[in-house]
């Protein structure tokens, strides 16, 4: 055990018992928490408030949390859920500052997190755990092999799964008759249709995912990167990506002189007809936009045969969370069949479930199978056929940073 973890362990041993006698402090990877009965955790959490820090840019997601989740948590457990909108990078910095200041009781209970933010938080001791393996719904409904890594980084029980996302493109069938089906075909389409394509500027999450798709395709696939960060391999292969992106640059919207600042701006360009495609790391996004009236009902989605990157997103608990018990109960509820079915319905969110449907009863499985995803959404089977995993977060961070130098320019 490192000195950092020893200090964290001793500090938390001193302060946590005053707040939650049933818990023990965060421990190093590989350790487990005592098998505290979950009923005891439930009783400790009753009558408390859980502050859930999460991305707040999606109105429909915010509404789902503020209505369905908040109502169910209050009725079932007498727990008040307070949603706090904040980008992941911001609340990670908040936790870093609190840890540096020795603040042993903070304001963040649960986090919506994954990818490089989780890696950074776990490496710097900002998370409580391991806890996920003690959540009943996770034990019952989730295949443990499916949640061992987050962007190639070991989870070790410091996150509880929440949902699954996958990258898709969006187009309007009234404006575009045929769509490219490979990265090579996409490049040719862009050059044949100048001004009709662009992508959000990394580090926007969607724009970053787009360039990773190209990185996979032009360097020989994702498999070579799964063993972990290899700087020599990156230096060898990254120039192939920059070359591809720079070749299409003169044919982009605004001739590549500027890029949409985020995926929402790209959606606006698409809705106004300024570009032919939008893109999302959220398969039902187009259907959501149709239902709220932002897209015409002729919009559909497609994925490239080269592969469509998927990931699992998670919840985690802050190292200095004032209500760890309540956070555990909320994280467990989010993995219940009721919550996952509600979240899967496009009128609520459309977020894909992370449960192993083979572990469900026939009646519960049917609840998922009968959800109408809408005509704009690819089916789970269609997405599974082209699914490719995220590579380790170090590649993501390097690609985002180097894109500014090699593509955006001064």
Protein backbone atom coordinates (compact mmCIF):
# COMPACT_ATOMS: atom_id res chain seq x y z
CA UNK A 1 0.00 0.00 0.00
CA UNK A 2 1.39 3.38 -1.00
CA UNK A 3 2.05 6.24 1.39
CA UNK A 4 -0.79 8.19 -0.22
CA UNK A 5 -3.28 5.43 0.54
CA UNK A 6 -1.93 4.96 4.06
CA UNK A 7 -2.53 8.65 4.81
CA UNK A 8 -6.02 8.52 3.25
CA UNK A 9 -6.86 5.39 5.23
CA UNK A 10 -5.77 6.88 8.56
CA UNK A 11 -7.56 10.16 7.92
CA UNK A 12 -10.83 8.51 6.98
CA UNK A 13 -10.63 6.12 9.94
CA UNK A 14 -10.68 9.18 12.19
CA UNK A 15 -13.59 11.03 10.59
CA UNK A 16 -16.03 8.59 9.01
CA UNK A 17 -17.28 6.86 12.19
CA UNK A 18 -18.76 10.15 13.37
CA UNK A 19 -21.02 10.20 10.30
CA UNK A 20 -21.66 6.62 9.21
CA UNK A 21 -20.79 3.92 11.76
CA UNK A 22 -21.57 1.12 9.31
CA UNK A 23 -18.92 2.10 6.77
CA UNK A 24 -15.20 1.83 6.65
CA UNK A 25 -12.89 4.17 4.76
CA UNK A 26 -11.86 3.98 1.16
CA UNK A 27 -9.28 1.31 0.60
CA UNK A 28 -6.71 0.51 -1.99
CA UNK A 29 -7.62 -1.45 -5.10
CA UNK A 30 -8.12 -5.11 -4.35
CA UNK A 31 -9.41 -4.67 -0.81
CA UNK A 32 -13.11 -5.15 -0.05
CA UNK A 33 -15.49 -3.54 2.39
CA UNK A 34 -16.93 -5.68 5.19
CA UNK A 35 -20.14 -7.42 4.24
CA UNK A 36 -22.43 -4.96 5.96
CA UNK A 37 -26.06 -6.04 5.44
CA UNK A 38 -27.65 -3.73 2.91
CA UNK A 39 -30.72 -3.45 5.13
CA UNK A 40 -28.50 -1.72 7.66
CA UNK A 41 -27.28 0.69 5.00
CA UNK A 42 -30.89 1.41 4.03
CA UNK A 43 -31.82 2.25 7.60
CA UNK A 44 -28.83 4.54 7.97
CA UNK A 45 -29.84 6.38 4.79
CA UNK A 46 -33.51 6.94 5.59
CA UNK A 47 -34.49 10.56 6.09
CA UNK A 48 -31.29 11.90 4.50
CA UNK A 49 -30.43 13.94 1.42
CA UNK A 50 -28.16 12.73 -1.38
CA UNK A 51 -26.42 15.37 -3.48
CA UNK A 52 -25.86 13.96 -6.94
CA UNK A 53 -23.36 15.91 -9.04
CA UNK A 54 -23.91 15.22 -12.72
CA UNK A 55 -23.76 16.71 -16.19
CA UNK A 56 -26.71 19.07 -16.54
CA UNK A 57 -26.78 19.81 -20.26
CA UNK A 58 -29.62 17.45 -21.22
CA UNK A 59 -33.05 18.74 -20.25
CA UNK A 60 -34.76 15.35 -20.63
CA UNK A 61 -32.19 13.67 -18.39
CA UNK A 62 -32.56 16.39 -15.77
CA UNK A 63 -36.33 15.97 -15.88
CA UNK A 64 -36.04 12.19 -15.46
CA UNK A 65 -33.84 12.59 -12.39
CA UNK A 66 -35.95 15.36 -10.87
CA UNK A 67 -39.21 13.48 -11.37
CA UNK A 68 -38.91 9.70 -11.62
CA UNK A 69 -35.72 9.17 -9.62
CA UNK A 70 -36.47 11.75 -6.96
CA UNK A 71 -40.04 10.53 -6.52
CA UNK A 72 -39.10 6.85 -6.28
CA UNK A 73 -36.24 7.46 -3.87
CA UNK A 74 -38.51 9.49 -1.61
CA UNK A 75 -41.36 6.99 -1.68
CA UNK A 76 -39.22 3.87 -1.32
CA UNK A 77 -36.49 5.01 1.04
CA UNK A 78 -37.47 8.46 2.38
CA UNK A 79 -34.33 9.84 0.72
CA UNK A 80 -34.33 13.28 -0.89
CA UNK A 81 -32.28 13.46 -4.12
CA UNK A 82 -30.79 16.85 -4.92
CA UNK A 83 -29.41 17.04 -8.46
CA UNK A 84 -26.44 19.41 -8.78
CA UNK A 85 -25.60 20.20 -12.44
CA UNK A 86 -21.87 20.39 -13.05
CA UNK A 87 -19.45 19.11 -15.69
CA UNK A 88 -17.34 16.19 -14.58
CA UNK A 89 -14.04 18.02 -14.99
CA UNK A 90 -15.31 20.79 -12.71
CA UNK A 91 -16.39 18.55 -9.86
CA UNK A 92 -13.17 16.55 -10.12
CA UNK A 93 -11.25 19.81 -9.62
CA UNK A 94 -13.53 20.64 -6.70
CA UNK A 95 -12.67 17.32 -5.05
CA UNK A 96 -8.96 17.81 -5.74
CA UNK A 97 -9.09 21.18 -4.01
CA UNK A 98 -10.97 19.74 -1.05
CA UNK A 99 -8.49 16.91 -0.69
CA UNK A 100 -5.54 19.32 -0.87
CA UNK A 101 -7.21 21.46 1.80
CA UNK A 102 -7.82 18.45 4.04
CA UNK A 103 -11.60 18.85 3.86
CA UNK A 104 -12.83 15.54 5.24
CA UNK A 105 -16.54 16.28 4.86
CA UNK A 106 -17.53 17.74 1.53
CA UNK A 107 -20.79 18.43 -0.29
CA UNK A 108 -20.68 15.80 -3.05
CA UNK A 109 -22.22 12.40 -2.41
CA UNK A 110 -22.73 10.68 -5.76
CA UNK A 111 -20.95 11.45 -9.06
CA UNK A 112 -21.95 10.63 -12.64
CA UNK A 113 -18.58 9.76 -14.10
CA UNK A 114 -16.51 7.62 -16.46
CA UNK A 115 -13.47 7.64 -18.71
CA UNK A 116 -10.50 9.87 -18.00
CA UNK A 117 -12.38 11.63 -15.19
CA UNK A 118 -12.77 8.35 -13.34
CA UNK A 119 -9.14 7.43 -13.96
CA UNK A 120 -7.92 10.76 -12.62
CA UNK A 121 -10.25 10.62 -9.62
CA UNK A 122 -9.29 7.09 -8.67
CA UNK A 123 -5.55 7.65 -9.09
CA UNK A 124 -5.64 10.72 -6.86
CA UNK A 125 -7.72 9.10 -4.11
CA UNK A 126 -10.87 11.11 -4.67
CA UNK A 127 -13.28 8.16 -4.50
CA UNK A 128 -14.79 6.04 -1.74
CA UNK A 129 -14.73 2.29 -2.18
CA UNK A 130 -14.71 -0.36 -3.26
CA UNK A 131 -18.48 -0.37 -2.86
CA UNK A 132 -20.14 -1.54 -6.09
CA UNK A 133 -19.86 -5.24 -5.30
CA UNK A 134 -22.00 -4.73 -2.19
CA UNK A 135 -24.99 -3.32 -4.09
CA UNK A 136 -27.74 -5.96 -4.39
CA UNK A 137 -28.91 -5.00 -7.87
CA UNK A 138 -25.37 -4.97 -9.21
CA UNK A 139 -24.71 -8.43 -7.79
CA UNK A 140 -28.01 -9.76 -9.09
CA UNK A 141 -28.35 -8.25 -12.55
CA UNK A 142 -24.92 -7.31 -13.88
CA UNK A 143 -22.34 -9.54 -15.53
CA UNK A 144 -19.19 -8.69 -13.55
CA UNK A 145 -16.99 -9.27 -16.61
CA UNK A 146 -18.75 -6.38 -18.37
CA UNK A 147 -17.71 -3.75 -15.82
CA UNK A 148 -14.11 -4.61 -14.98
CA UNK A 149 -12.67 -1.66 -16.92
CA UNK A 150 -13.68 1.89 -17.76
CA UNK A 151 -11.85 3.17 -20.87
CA UNK A 152 -9.26 0.45 -20.27
CA UNK A 153 -8.73 1.43 -16.61
CA UNK A 154 -9.53 -1.05 -13.81
CA UNK A 155 -12.74 -0.22 -11.97
CA UNK A 156 -12.02 -2.35 -8.87
CA UNK A 157 -15.49 -1.68 -7.46
CA UNK A 158 -15.03 2.09 -7.20
CA UNK A 159 -17.86 2.68 -9.68
CA UNK A 160 -21.35 1.25 -10.01
CA UNK A 161 -22.64 0.82 -13.58
CA UNK A 162 -25.44 3.12 -14.67
CA UNK A 163 -26.01 2.84 -18.43
CA UNK A 164 -24.49 2.15 -21.80
CA UNK A 165 -23.88 4.49 -24.71
CA UNK A 166 -22.71 4.05 -28.29
CA UNK A 167 -21.72 6.39 -31.10
CA UNK A 168 -24.07 7.02 -34.03
CA UNK A 169 -24.44 9.45 -36.91
CA UNK A 170 -27.69 11.26 -37.73
CA UNK A 171 -29.11 12.31 -41.13
CA UNK A 172 -32.35 13.54 -42.63
CA UNK A 173 -33.80 11.15 -45.21
CA UNK A 174 -35.51 14.08 -46.95
CA UNK A 175 -32.15 15.71 -47.63
CA UNK A 176 -29.72 12.79 -47.92
CA UNK A 177 -30.58 9.70 -49.96
CA UNK A 178 -27.62 7.48 -49.16
CA UNK A 179 -25.09 7.57 -46.35
CA UNK A 180 -21.50 6.31 -46.18
CA UNK A 181 -21.01 3.00 -44.41
CA UNK A 182 -17.25 3.01 -43.78
CA UNK A 183 -14.63 5.55 -42.76
CA UNK A 184 -13.19 5.47 -46.28
CA UNK A 185 -16.63 6.10 -47.77
CA UNK A 186 -17.20 8.93 -45.29
CA UNK A 187 -14.01 10.62 -46.40
CA UNK A 188 -15.07 10.41 -50.04
CA UNK A 189 -18.56 11.73 -49.20
CA UNK A 190 -17.08 14.72 -47.40
CA UNK A 191 -14.88 15.58 -50.38
CA UNK A 192 -17.79 15.13 -52.80
CA UNK A 193 -20.06 17.36 -50.70
CA UNK A 194 -17.96 20.32 -49.55
CA UNK A 195 -19.29 22.34 -46.64
CA UNK A 196 -21.80 19.66 -45.61
CA UNK A 197 -19.84 18.00 -42.80
CA UNK A 198 -18.11 18.98 -39.59
CA UNK A 199 -17.54 17.64 -36.10
CA UNK A 200 -17.38 19.20 -32.63
CA UNK A 201 -14.03 20.48 -31.52
CA UNK A 202 -12.27 18.15 -29.06
CA UNK A 203 -12.26 17.91 -26.08
CA UNK A 204 -16.02 17.98 -26.59
CA UNK A 205 -16.98 14.40 -25.78
CA UNK A 206 -18.71 13.72 -29.09
CA UNK A 207 -15.99 15.34 -31.18
CA UNK A 208 -13.35 13.42 -29.28
CA UNK A 209 -15.22 10.16 -29.93
CA UNK A 210 -15.43 10.96 -33.64
CA UNK A 211 -11.69 11.35 -34.02
CA UNK A 212 -11.13 8.11 -32.09
CA UNK A 213 -13.25 6.31 -34.69
CA UNK A 214 -10.95 7.62 -37.39
CA UNK A 215 -7.91 6.73 -35.27
CA UNK A 216 -9.12 3.13 -35.02
CA UNK A 217 -9.85 2.86 -38.75
CA UNK A 218 -6.67 4.37 -40.18
CA UNK A 219 -4.24 2.65 -37.78
CA UNK A 220 -5.45 -0.94 -37.98
CA UNK A 221 -8.11 -1.21 -35.31
CA UNK A 222 -8.51 -0.85 -31.56
CA UNK A 223 -7.02 -4.17 -30.49
CA UNK A 224 -3.42 -2.97 -30.51
CA UNK A 225 -4.22 -0.33 -27.89
CA UNK A 226 -6.07 -2.45 -25.35
CA UNK A 227 -2.98 -3.61 -23.45
CA UNK A 228 -2.46 -0.13 -22.05
CA UNK A 229 -0.79 3.16 -22.90
CA UNK A 230 2.16 2.76 -25.26
CA UNK A 231 3.74 6.14 -26.11
CA UNK A 232 5.87 4.68 -28.89
CA UNK A 233 2.84 3.12 -30.56
CA UNK A 234 0.97 6.40 -30.23
CA UNK A 235 3.81 8.42 -31.78
CA UNK A 236 3.97 5.95 -34.65
CA UNK A 237 0.23 5.87 -35.39
CA UNK A 238 -1.14 9.30 -34.51
CA UNK A 239 0.27 11.00 -37.64
CA UNK A 240 -2.04 8.79 -39.73
CA UNK A 241 -4.99 10.34 -37.96
CA UNK A 242 -3.75 13.91 -38.36
CA UNK A 243 -3.17 13.28 -42.07
CA UNK A 244 -6.75 12.00 -42.56
CA UNK A 245 -8.31 14.88 -40.65
CA UNK A 246 -6.22 17.47 -42.47
CA UNK A 247 -7.12 16.00 -45.84
CA UNK A 248 -10.82 16.57 -45.18
CA UNK A 249 -10.32 19.93 -43.48
CA UNK A 250 -10.73 22.16 -46.61
CA UNK A 251 -14.00 20.36 -47.43
CA UNK A 252 -15.60 20.89 -44.00
CA UNK A 253 -18.22 23.44 -42.96
CA UNK A 254 -16.56 26.87 -42.92
CA UNK A 255 -13.70 25.16 -44.79
CA UNK A 256 -12.36 23.88 -41.49
CA UNK A 257 -11.46 27.37 -40.29
CA UNK A 258 -13.68 26.81 -37.24
CA UNK A 259 -15.45 23.90 -35.60
CA UNK A 260 -18.65 23.62 -33.53
CA UNK A 261 -17.78 24.26 -29.89
CA UNK A 262 -19.87 21.30 -28.74
CA UNK A 263 -22.34 18.66 -29.90
CA UNK A 264 -25.33 20.92 -29.16
CA UNK A 265 -24.04 23.48 -31.65
CA UNK A 266 -23.58 20.73 -34.24
CA UNK A 267 -27.18 19.65 -33.62
CA UNK A 268 -28.29 23.22 -34.33
CA UNK A 269 -26.32 23.33 -37.60
CA UNK A 270 -27.89 20.02 -38.61
CA UNK A 271 -31.42 21.08 -37.66
CA UNK A 272 -31.00 24.30 -39.71
CA UNK A 273 -29.82 22.30 -42.72
CA UNK A 274 -26.32 23.80 -42.75
CA UNK A 275 -24.71 20.36 -42.55
CA UNK A 276 -25.97 16.95 -43.66
CA UNK A 277 -24.95 14.94 -40.60
CA UNK A 278 -24.93 15.27 -36.87
CA UNK A 279 -23.50 12.72 -34.45
CA UNK A 280 -24.06 11.57 -30.91
CA UNK A 281 -22.67 9.20 -28.29
CA UNK A 282 -26.29 8.54 -27.37
CA UNK A 283 -28.15 6.14 -29.73
CA UNK A 284 -31.68 7.51 -29.08
CA UNK A 285 -30.56 11.15 -29.35
CA UNK A 286 -32.22 11.67 -32.74
CA UNK A 287 -35.48 10.19 -31.45
CA UNK A 288 -35.30 12.45 -28.39
CA UNK A 289 -34.83 15.47 -30.67
CA UNK A 290 -37.77 14.42 -32.85
CA UNK A 291 -40.00 14.00 -29.81
CA UNK A 292 -39.15 17.46 -28.51
CA UNK A 293 -39.69 19.02 -31.93
CA UNK A 294 -36.08 20.00 -32.66
CA UNK A 295 -35.66 17.52 -35.55
CA UNK A 296 -38.15 16.59 -38.28
CA UNK A 297 -39.55 13.07 -38.07
CA UNK A 298 -37.60 12.11 -41.19
CA UNK A 299 -34.28 12.00 -39.28
CA UNK A 300 -32.66 8.59 -38.85
CA UNK A 301 -29.37 7.24 -37.44
CA UNK A 302 -26.64 5.04 -38.84
CA UNK A 303 -23.33 3.54 -37.75
CA UNK A 304 -20.22 2.70 -39.74
CA UNK A 305 -19.27 -0.89 -40.47
CA UNK A 306 -15.73 -0.12 -39.28
CA UNK A 307 -17.13 0.01 -35.78
CA UNK A 308 -19.17 2.18 -33.43
CA UNK A 309 -17.47 2.87 -30.10
CA UNK A 310 -19.45 2.05 -26.99
CA UNK A 311 -18.87 2.60 -23.30
CA UNK A 312 -20.48 2.09 -19.94
CA UNK A 313 -21.10 5.10 -17.77
CA UNK A 314 -21.05 4.85 -14.00
CA UNK A 315 -21.75 6.46 -10.67
CA UNK A 316 -19.12 6.83 -7.96
CA UNK A 317 -18.99 8.16 -4.40
CA UNK A 318 -16.74 11.02 -3.29
CA UNK A 319 -14.01 10.19 -0.78
CA UNK A 320 -15.42 12.81 1.62
CA UNK A 321 -19.10 12.30 0.86
CA UNK A 322 -21.18 13.32 3.87
CA UNK A 323 -23.83 10.69 3.05
CA UNK A 324 -22.13 7.57 1.78
CA UNK A 325 -25.07 5.41 2.86
CA UNK A 326 -27.55 7.44 0.85
CA UNK A 327 -25.21 7.49 -2.14
CA UNK A 328 -24.99 3.69 -2.06
CA UNK A 329 -28.76 3.36 -1.93
CA UNK A 330 -29.19 5.72 -4.88
CA UNK A 331 -26.50 3.95 -6.90
CA UNK A 332 -28.25 0.64 -6.21
CA UNK A 333 -31.70 1.96 -7.11
CA UNK A 334 -30.40 3.22 -10.45
CA UNK A 335 -29.52 -0.39 -11.26
CA UNK A 336 -32.98 -1.73 -10.45
CA UNK A 337 -35.18 -3.10 -13.23
CA UNK A 338 -37.71 -0.32 -12.65
CA UNK A 339 -35.10 2.42 -13.02
CA UNK A 340 -33.36 0.85 -15.99
CA UNK A 341 -36.63 0.29 -17.87
CA UNK A 342 -37.77 3.84 -17.19
CA UNK A 343 -34.40 5.21 -18.33
CA UNK A 344 -34.54 3.06 -21.50
CA UNK A 345 -37.85 4.56 -22.67
CA UNK A 346 -37.08 7.31 -25.23
CA UNK A 347 -39.76 9.61 -23.88
CA UNK A 348 -37.79 9.65 -20.60
CA UNK A 349 -34.19 9.35 -21.76
CA UNK A 350 -33.52 6.38 -24.04
CA UNK A 351 -30.29 5.43 -22.27
CA UNK A 352 -29.45 1.80 -22.95
CA UNK A 353 -29.52 -0.62 -20.00
CA UNK A 354 -26.36 -2.13 -18.58
CA UNK A 355 -28.15 -5.09 -17.02
CA UNK A 356 -27.53 -8.60 -18.32
CA UNK A 357 -30.98 -9.44 -19.65
CA UNK A 358 -30.21 -13.15 -19.33
CA UNK A 359 -30.13 -12.67 -15.56
CA UNK A 360 -33.67 -11.30 -15.48
CA UNK A 361 -36.95 -13.14 -15.11
CA UNK A 362 -38.93 -13.65 -18.30
CA UNK A 363 -41.43 -10.97 -17.30
CA UNK A 364 -38.70 -8.42 -16.49
CA UNK A 365 -36.85 -9.21 -19.71
CA UNK A 366 -40.06 -8.61 -21.65
CA UNK A 367 -40.35 -5.15 -20.11
CA UNK A 368 -37.13 -4.19 -21.92
CA UNK A 369 -37.97 -6.05 -25.12
CA UNK A 370 -41.29 -4.24 -25.51
CA UNK A 371 -39.85 -0.73 -25.18
CA UNK A 372 -40.52 1.18 -28.41
CA UNK A 373 -37.26 2.97 -29.23
CA UNK A 374 -38.84 4.84 -32.14
CA UNK A 375 -37.98 4.67 -35.85
CA UNK A 376 -34.92 6.92 -35.56
CA UNK A 377 -33.06 4.58 -33.18
CA UNK A 378 -30.98 1.60 -34.23
CA UNK A 379 -31.89 -1.60 -32.43
CA UNK A 380 -29.62 -3.07 -29.75
CA UNK A 381 -28.80 -5.94 -32.14
CA UNK A 382 -27.80 -3.53 -34.92
CA UNK A 383 -25.55 -1.62 -32.53
CA UNK A 384 -24.06 -4.76 -31.02
CA UNK A 385 -23.03 -5.95 -34.50
CA UNK A 386 -20.64 -2.99 -34.92
CA UNK A 387 -19.69 -2.35 -31.28
CA UNK A 388 -16.02 -1.69 -30.49
CA UNK A 389 -14.68 -0.73 -27.05
CA UNK A 390 -13.05 2.42 -25.80
CA UNK A 391 -9.26 2.31 -25.57
CA UNK A 392 -7.34 3.41 -22.44
CA UNK A 393 -7.96 6.97 -21.35
CA UNK A 394 -4.33 8.04 -21.90
CA UNK A 395 -4.90 7.74 -25.66
CA UNK A 396 -8.02 9.85 -25.41
CA UNK A 397 -6.19 12.57 -23.49
CA UNK A 398 -3.26 12.58 -25.93
CA UNK A 399 -5.51 12.71 -28.99
CA UNK A 400 -7.54 15.60 -27.60
CA UNK A 401 -4.46 17.60 -26.73
CA UNK A 402 -2.55 16.91 -29.93
CA UNK A 403 -5.58 17.62 -32.15
CA UNK A 404 -5.20 21.28 -31.17
CA UNK A 405 -1.63 21.34 -32.47
CA UNK A 406 -1.87 19.12 -35.54
CA UNK A 407 -5.35 19.95 -36.83
CA UNK A 408 -6.77 23.12 -35.28
CA UNK A 409 -3.49 24.97 -35.54
CA UNK A 410 -2.48 28.32 -34.01
